[in-house]
Amino acid sequence: MSVRTRTRRPVVMILGGVVALALLAGAIWAWANTDVFGKETFCGKVLEAGEVDSILSGSGRLSDNSTEHDEPYGFTCEVERAQKIGGGPPAVLSTELALQPADFALSSRRVWDGHASYSYFTGERAGAVSHERGWLLLPQECLGTVPNSVRGDPLWSVQVEVENARPGKSDLAAVLLRIANHVTTKMGCDTTDRWRSAPIDLREPTGAETRPDDAQLCGNSLTAPGALPEGRLSSPERERYTATGSTTGACELAFPGREDRRLTFTWSADSMLVHGASLEGVGRNTSKATDRVLVPCGDEEIYAHVHSSDAYGAALEDATSTQSEATVMRGWLRSYAKALASEHGCPSSGE
């Protein structure tokens, strides 16, 4: 055997080893940082891989952790897309079935803040989605499934939250509805085909920089209450509200000042939400209501709510030496109730 042949064999073996190591490293990287040969369904086969991918798009491997009790009162799931090698924070989709007051989202001042930036469902569905989270009330047929041990009169809702990702609102709404259809079937409170399968239709918010008309705030006839002195707390500089066509919506008014001086108004004509609010004790007398009221509208009612940011509340308290902050906020609520009644063509209540 020649010297050249003896030399060539070790070189070939070394090169073969390098190629094998490269292939192995590539396979490990692909398994760790992509979803090659990954799962086809998630959350107990409720969500398909394509649906999850629409929410947690990008590179990384998908995995999930879900819990569903034998009884239908527990459904939680967390799906994560993570790069196992050299990646940043994982993108996470969390879902849960929850029992909360009917207006938990519409009256929230923290978790569900920024109400006017949400897009709201239309038709028989009451719910909303942003790019980070969403909620959807389960239909009336589910009322009878609330356990007797639960205090109060809460309603079932499906909620989702997204971290380190920014999905489209329609994609998040589709995931909400898919989960809702699953839990309603499991709970035995099946609903109408229209609620289950009608195409998702969302009403988007108006532009954030809309310049308001003091005589027609929030896109309707809302005006500042008479108890509020004219000035920086009665004339907003920006407004944003839900486009017409939804059964639930919101409006936010931003007032001049260095801090976040803001008023938030929310409403719903959804019969399930209105019924739930009534069970929770929301009244119908606008003269006594402070932040929530049910507005008569023929044979139906409309839920109305208002709250202020901390900065607006503090400025209002400082500015109203003769009129209390509570009196002014009642005035805002009363004005909003009248504006909603006018917008929806409700007969006069006589108040």
Protein backbone atom coordinates (compact mmCIF):
# COMPACT_ATOMS: atom_id res chain seq x y z
CA MET A 1 0.00 0.00 0.00
CA SER A 2 1.37 3.38 -0.95
CA VAL A 3 1.97 6.23 1.43
CA ARG A 4 -0.62 8.31 -0.46
CA THR A 5 -3.36 5.69 0.10
CA ARG A 6 -2.55 5.35 3.77
CA THR A 7 -2.79 9.14 4.16
CA ARG A 8 -6.07 9.47 2.24
CA ARG A 9 -8.07 7.09 4.43
CA PRO A 10 -7.73 9.05 7.70
CA VAL A 11 -8.61 12.24 5.85
CA VAL A 12 -11.76 10.67 4.41
CA MET A 13 -12.71 9.34 7.83
CA ILE A 14 -12.18 12.74 9.41
CA LEU A 15 -14.27 14.45 6.74
CA GLY A 16 -17.00 11.85 7.15
CA GLY A 17 -17.02 12.43 10.87
CA VAL A 18 -17.29 16.18 10.39
CA VAL A 19 -20.23 15.76 8.01
CA ALA A 20 -21.94 13.37 10.42
CA LEU A 21 -21.45 15.80 13.30
CA ALA A 22 -22.80 18.65 11.16
CA LEU A 23 -25.86 16.62 10.22
CA LEU A 24 -26.40 15.65 13.85
CA ALA A 25 -26.03 19.27 14.97
CA GLY A 26 -28.44 20.38 12.27
CA ALA A 27 -30.96 17.74 13.31
CA ILE A 28 -30.69 18.77 16.96
CA TRP A 29 -31.07 22.44 16.06
CA ALA A 30 -34.08 21.71 13.83
CA TRP A 31 -35.75 19.70 16.59
CA ALA A 32 -35.04 22.37 19.19
CA ASN A 33 -35.79 25.51 17.17
CA THR A 34 -38.42 24.45 14.62
CA ASP A 35 -41.62 22.44 14.71
CA VAL A 36 -40.41 19.72 12.36
CA PHE A 37 -42.21 16.46 13.22
CA GLY A 38 -44.16 18.41 15.84
CA LYS A 39 -47.66 17.83 17.17
CA GLU A 40 -50.69 18.19 14.92
CA THR A 41 -53.16 19.14 17.67
CA PHE A 42 -53.00 20.94 21.01
CA CYS A 43 -55.09 21.46 24.14
CA GLY A 44 -56.54 17.98 24.16
CA LYS A 45 -57.10 17.99 20.39
CA VAL A 46 -59.18 21.17 20.61
CA LEU A 47 -56.81 23.35 18.56
CA GLU A 48 -55.11 22.35 15.35
CA ALA A 49 -51.47 23.14 14.66
CA GLY A 50 -52.41 25.69 12.00
CA GLU A 51 -54.59 27.60 14.45
CA VAL A 52 -51.84 27.69 17.04
CA ASP A 53 -49.31 28.72 14.43
CA SER A 54 -51.50 31.67 13.44
CA ILE A 55 -51.25 32.95 17.02
CA LEU A 56 -47.66 31.99 17.88
CA SER A 57 -46.02 32.46 14.49
CA GLY A 58 -42.25 32.39 14.11
CA SER A 59 -39.47 29.96 14.85
CA GLY A 60 -39.34 27.60 17.80
CA ARG A 61 -40.87 24.33 18.89
CA LEU A 62 -44.49 24.11 20.01
CA SER A 63 -45.50 22.30 23.17
CA ASP A 64 -48.58 22.39 25.37
CA ASN A 65 -49.85 21.66 28.84
CA SER A 66 -53.61 21.26 29.21
CA THR A 67 -55.98 20.21 31.97
CA GLU A 68 -59.59 19.11 31.54
CA HIS A 69 -61.39 17.54 34.46
CA ASP A 70 -63.82 14.67 34.09
CA GLU A 71 -66.58 17.08 35.03
CA PRO A 72 -66.99 19.96 32.57
CA TYR A 73 -65.98 22.71 34.99
CA GLY A 74 -62.31 22.87 34.26
CA PHE A 75 -60.48 23.64 31.05
CA THR A 76 -57.09 25.30 30.96
CA CYS A 77 -54.39 25.09 28.37
CA GLU A 78 -51.04 26.74 27.74
CA VAL A 79 -49.24 26.43 24.43
CA GLU A 80 -45.64 27.60 24.15
CA ARG A 81 -43.38 28.24 21.18
CA ALA A 82 -39.79 28.30 22.37
CA GLN A 83 -36.34 28.20 20.80
CA LYS A 84 -34.49 25.66 22.92
CA ILE A 85 -31.09 26.76 21.63
CA GLY A 86 -30.11 30.43 21.69
CA GLY A 87 -33.67 31.75 21.72
CA GLY A 88 -35.35 34.59 23.55
CA PRO A 89 -38.44 34.50 25.76
CA PRO A 90 -41.03 31.95 24.59
CA ALA A 91 -44.28 33.00 22.97
CA VAL A 92 -47.22 31.72 25.00
CA LEU A 93 -50.94 31.24 24.37
CA SER A 94 -52.97 30.69 27.56
CA THR A 95 -56.65 29.74 27.60
CA GLU A 96 -59.11 29.14 30.40
CA LEU A 97 -62.78 28.62 31.17
CA ALA A 98 -63.77 31.08 33.90
CA LEU A 99 -66.74 32.00 36.08
CA GLN A 100 -66.96 35.77 36.59
CA PRO A 101 -69.56 38.56 36.73
CA ALA A 102 -71.19 39.20 33.37
CA ASP A 103 -69.52 42.58 32.93
CA PHE A 104 -66.10 41.52 34.25
CA ALA A 105 -64.34 42.78 31.13
CA LEU A 106 -66.46 45.85 30.45
CA SER A 107 -66.04 47.20 33.99
CA SER A 108 -62.36 46.25 34.37
CA ARG A 109 -59.92 49.03 35.16
CA ARG A 110 -56.72 46.99 34.92
CA VAL A 111 -56.59 43.61 33.16
CA TRP A 112 -59.02 44.49 30.37
CA ASP A 113 -58.12 48.17 30.18
CA GLY A 114 -57.96 49.99 26.85
CA HIS A 115 -61.52 48.94 26.04
CA ALA A 116 -61.87 51.10 22.93
CA SER A 117 -58.83 49.47 21.31
CA TYR A 118 -60.57 46.07 21.29
CA SER A 119 -62.56 44.71 18.37
CA TYR A 120 -66.00 43.43 19.38
CA PHE A 121 -68.02 40.46 18.17
CA THR A 122 -71.31 41.10 16.41
CA GLY A 123 -74.58 39.16 16.28
CA GLU A 124 -75.38 36.69 19.06
CA ARG A 125 -71.87 36.62 20.51
CA ALA A 126 -70.70 38.93 23.30
CA GLY A 127 -66.93 39.27 23.45
CA ALA A 128 -63.90 41.19 22.29
CA VAL A 129 -60.30 40.70 21.19
CA SER A 130 -57.15 42.77 21.11
CA HIS A 131 -53.75 41.63 19.86
CA GLU A 132 -52.88 40.33 23.34
CA ARG A 133 -56.07 38.89 24.86
CA GLY A 134 -59.72 38.17 24.32
CA TRP A 135 -62.95 37.06 26.00
CA LEU A 136 -66.20 35.46 24.88
CA LEU A 137 -69.29 34.84 27.02
CA LEU A 138 -70.80 31.41 26.68
CA PRO A 139 -74.43 31.39 25.51
CA GLN A 140 -77.55 31.43 27.65
CA GLU A 141 -77.94 27.66 27.42
CA CYS A 142 -74.94 27.37 29.77
CA LEU A 143 -76.60 29.18 32.68
CA GLY A 144 -77.91 25.96 34.17
CA THR A 145 -74.44 24.40 34.35
CA VAL A 146 -73.06 26.74 37.02
CA PRO A 147 -72.32 24.58 40.10
CA ASN A 148 -74.62 25.16 43.08
CA SER A 149 -71.56 25.69 45.28
CA VAL A 150 -70.63 28.90 43.41
CA ARG A 151 -71.69 32.07 45.20
CA GLY A 152 -73.30 34.96 43.39
CA ASP A 153 -74.53 34.79 39.82
CA PRO A 154 -71.46 34.64 37.59
CA LEU A 155 -71.43 33.64 33.94
CA TRP A 156 -69.14 31.30 32.03
CA SER A 157 -66.62 32.85 29.69
CA VAL A 158 -63.68 31.65 27.66
CA GLN A 159 -60.58 33.83 27.92
CA VAL A 160 -57.27 33.81 26.08
CA GLU A 161 -54.02 35.69 26.61
CA VAL A 162 -50.92 35.92 24.43
CA GLU A 163 -47.39 36.76 25.58
CA ASN A 164 -44.43 37.72 23.37
CA ALA A 165 -46.48 37.51 20.17
CA ARG A 166 -48.87 39.79 18.29
CA PRO A 167 -51.49 37.77 16.39
CA GLY A 168 -54.22 39.16 14.22
CA LYS A 169 -57.49 39.83 16.00
CA SER A 170 -59.46 37.57 13.66
CA ASP A 171 -57.07 34.69 14.35
CA LEU A 172 -57.45 35.15 18.10
CA ALA A 173 -61.23 35.37 17.74
CA ALA A 174 -61.23 32.07 15.82
CA VAL A 175 -59.31 30.37 18.63
CA LEU A 176 -61.75 31.78 21.19
CA LEU A 177 -64.72 30.43 19.30
CA ARG A 178 -63.11 27.02 18.74
CA ILE A 179 -62.50 26.63 22.49
CA ALA A 180 -66.00 27.92 23.32
CA ASN A 181 -67.59 25.39 20.98
CA HIS A 182 -65.62 22.61 22.65
CA VAL A 183 -66.56 23.49 26.23
CA THR A 184 -70.23 24.18 25.45
CA THR A 185 -70.51 20.71 23.91
CA LYS A 186 -68.75 19.08 26.86
CA MET A 187 -70.90 20.98 29.35
CA GLY A 188 -74.08 19.91 27.60
CA CYS A 189 -75.23 23.45 26.87
CA ASP A 190 -75.18 23.23 23.11
CA THR A 191 -76.40 26.39 21.44
CA THR A 192 -77.70 27.57 18.09
CA ASP A 193 -75.89 26.77 14.88
CA ARG A 194 -75.65 30.49 14.24
CA TRP A 195 -73.75 31.10 17.49
CA ARG A 196 -71.48 28.14 16.79
CA SER A 197 -70.70 28.48 13.11
CA ALA A 198 -71.68 31.91 11.79
CA PRO A 199 -68.67 33.66 10.23
CA ILE A 200 -66.74 35.76 12.73
CA ASP A 201 -67.50 39.44 12.24
CA LEU A 202 -65.62 41.99 14.34
CA ARG A 203 -66.20 45.72 14.70
CA GLU A 204 -62.94 47.60 14.79
CA PRO A 205 -62.26 50.79 16.77
CA THR A 206 -62.04 54.17 15.12
CA GLY A 207 -58.67 55.87 14.77
CA ALA A 208 -56.90 56.79 17.99
CA GLU A 209 -56.40 60.40 16.97
CA THR A 210 -60.02 61.28 16.18
CA ARG A 211 -60.77 64.88 17.13
CA PRO A 212 -64.06 64.89 19.06
CA ASP A 213 -67.07 67.15 18.70
CA ASP A 214 -68.13 68.29 22.17
CA ALA A 215 -71.78 68.08 21.09
CA GLN A 216 -71.49 64.48 19.85
CA LEU A 217 -68.89 62.61 21.85
CA CYS A 218 -68.28 58.89 21.30
CA GLY A 219 -69.95 59.04 17.90
CA ASN A 220 -73.38 59.66 19.39
CA SER A 221 -75.11 62.43 21.37
CA LEU A 222 -73.01 62.12 24.54
CA THR A 223 -72.24 65.50 26.11
CA ALA A 224 -70.48 66.56 29.29
CA PRO A 225 -72.79 66.79 32.35
CA GLY A 226 -73.96 70.18 33.48
CA ALA A 227 -72.46 69.68 36.93
CA LEU A 228 -68.99 69.72 35.41
CA PRO A 229 -67.39 73.16 34.97
CA GLU A 230 -66.28 73.94 31.44
CA GLY A 231 -62.62 73.43 30.82
CA ARG A 232 -59.98 70.77 30.50
CA LEU A 233 -62.07 68.10 32.22
CA SER A 234 -65.17 68.58 30.07
CA SER A 235 -63.66 68.96 26.59
CA PRO A 236 -61.63 65.93 25.46
CA GLU A 237 -58.86 66.34 22.93
CA ARG A 238 -59.09 62.80 21.53
CA GLU A 239 -61.67 60.06 21.32
CA ARG A 240 -61.82 56.46 20.17
CA TYR A 241 -64.88 54.25 19.97
CA THR A 242 -66.19 51.02 18.50
CA ALA A 243 -67.55 51.24 14.98
CA THR A 244 -71.30 50.79 14.55
CA GLY A 245 -72.81 47.37 14.01
CA SER A 246 -71.77 45.52 17.17
CA THR A 247 -73.93 44.54 20.14
CA THR A 248 -71.16 45.47 22.58
CA GLY A 249 -68.69 48.33 22.43
CA ALA A 250 -66.67 51.02 24.15
CA CYS A 251 -65.56 54.62 23.95
CA GLU A 252 -62.58 56.36 25.50
CA LEU A 253 -62.15 60.10 25.88
CA ALA A 254 -58.68 61.55 26.50
CA PHE A 255 -58.50 64.96 28.17
CA PRO A 256 -55.74 67.58 28.16
CA GLY A 257 -53.05 67.22 30.78
CA ARG A 258 -49.66 65.63 31.32
CA GLU A 259 -51.09 62.54 32.96
CA ASP A 260 -53.47 59.91 31.60
CA ARG A 261 -56.71 61.82 32.08
CA ARG A 262 -59.24 59.49 30.56
CA LEU A 263 -62.89 58.45 30.75
CA THR A 264 -63.96 54.98 29.62
CA PHE A 265 -67.52 54.13 28.59
CA THR A 266 -68.68 50.61 27.78
CA TRP A 267 -72.05 49.25 26.71
CA SER A 268 -73.79 46.07 25.61
CA ALA A 269 -77.20 45.20 24.22
CA ASP A 270 -76.40 41.47 24.38
CA SER A 271 -79.28 39.79 26.21
CA MET A 272 -76.99 37.34 28.04
CA LEU A 273 -74.70 40.05 29.36
CA VAL A 274 -77.64 42.27 30.33
CA HIS A 275 -79.33 39.37 32.13
CA GLY A 276 -76.11 38.55 33.97
CA ALA A 277 -75.63 42.18 35.00
CA SER A 278 -79.18 42.25 36.34
CA LEU A 279 -78.49 39.13 38.40
CA GLU A 280 -75.41 40.87 39.81
CA GLY A 281 -77.53 43.78 41.03
CA VAL A 282 -76.98 46.43 38.35
CA GLY A 283 -79.96 48.78 38.71
CA ARG A 284 -82.15 50.74 36.33
CA ASN A 285 -82.35 54.10 38.08
CA THR A 286 -79.92 56.54 36.49
CA SER A 287 -80.48 59.02 39.31
CA LYS A 288 -78.96 56.63 41.85
CA ALA A 289 -76.50 54.64 39.74
CA THR A 290 -72.85 55.56 40.15
CA ASP A 291 -70.97 53.64 37.49
CA ARG A 292 -73.32 51.02 35.97
CA VAL A 293 -76.93 51.07 34.89
CA LEU A 294 -79.41 49.14 32.73
CA VAL A 295 -81.07 51.44 30.20
CA PRO A 296 -84.69 50.54 29.27
CA CYS A 297 -85.15 50.09 25.52
CA GLY A 298 -88.65 48.86 24.72
CA ASP A 299 -88.86 45.22 25.73
CA GLU A 300 -85.09 45.03 26.11
CA GLU A 301 -82.33 46.79 28.02
CA ILE A 302 -78.84 48.11 27.38
CA TYR A 303 -75.98 47.82 29.85
CA ALA A 304 -73.99 51.05 30.35
CA HIS A 305 -70.85 51.66 32.38
CA VAL A 306 -68.40 54.52 32.96
CA HIS A 307 -65.17 54.82 34.93
CA SER A 308 -62.33 57.29 35.08
CA SER A 309 -58.59 56.86 35.15
CA ASP A 310 -56.83 57.68 38.40
CA ALA A 311 -55.47 60.90 36.91
CA TYR A 312 -58.87 62.13 35.72
CA GLY A 313 -60.45 61.22 39.05
CA ALA A 314 -57.78 63.10 40.99
CA ALA A 315 -58.06 66.17 38.76
CA LEU A 316 -61.84 66.07 39.00
CA GLU A 317 -61.73 65.89 42.79
CA ASP A 318 -59.42 68.91 42.87
CA ALA A 319 -61.58 70.91 40.43
CA THR A 320 -65.03 70.31 41.92
CA SER A 321 -65.13 72.31 45.09
CA THR A 322 -68.93 72.67 45.03
CA GLN A 323 -69.77 69.47 43.20
CA SER A 324 -68.38 66.15 44.36
CA GLU A 325 -66.55 63.78 42.07
CA ALA A 326 -69.30 61.18 42.51
CA THR A 327 -71.98 63.66 41.40
CA VAL A 328 -70.09 64.46 38.21
CA MET A 329 -69.48 60.79 37.42
CA ARG A 330 -73.19 60.10 37.91
CA GLY A 331 -73.81 62.91 35.46
CA TRP A 332 -71.49 61.33 32.91
CA LEU A 333 -73.29 58.00 33.32
CA ARG A 334 -76.71 59.61 32.96
CA SER A 335 -75.60 61.46 29.84
CA TYR A 336 -74.18 58.27 28.37
CA ALA A 337 -77.40 56.36 29.11
CA LYS A 338 -79.41 59.02 27.27
CA ALA A 339 -76.99 58.94 24.33
CA LEU A 340 -77.26 55.15 24.07
CA ALA A 341 -81.08 55.30 24.27
CA SER A 342 -81.13 57.85 21.47
CA GLU A 343 -78.65 55.90 19.33
CA HIS A 344 -80.65 52.67 19.67
CA GLY A 345 -84.02 54.34 19.15
CA CYS A 346 -85.30 53.48 22.64
CA PRO A 347 -88.62 54.98 23.79
CA SER A 348 -88.33 57.60 26.51
CA SER A 349 -88.22 56.06 29.98
CA GLY A 350 -89.80 59.09 31.56
CA GLU A 351 -86.78 59.86 33.73
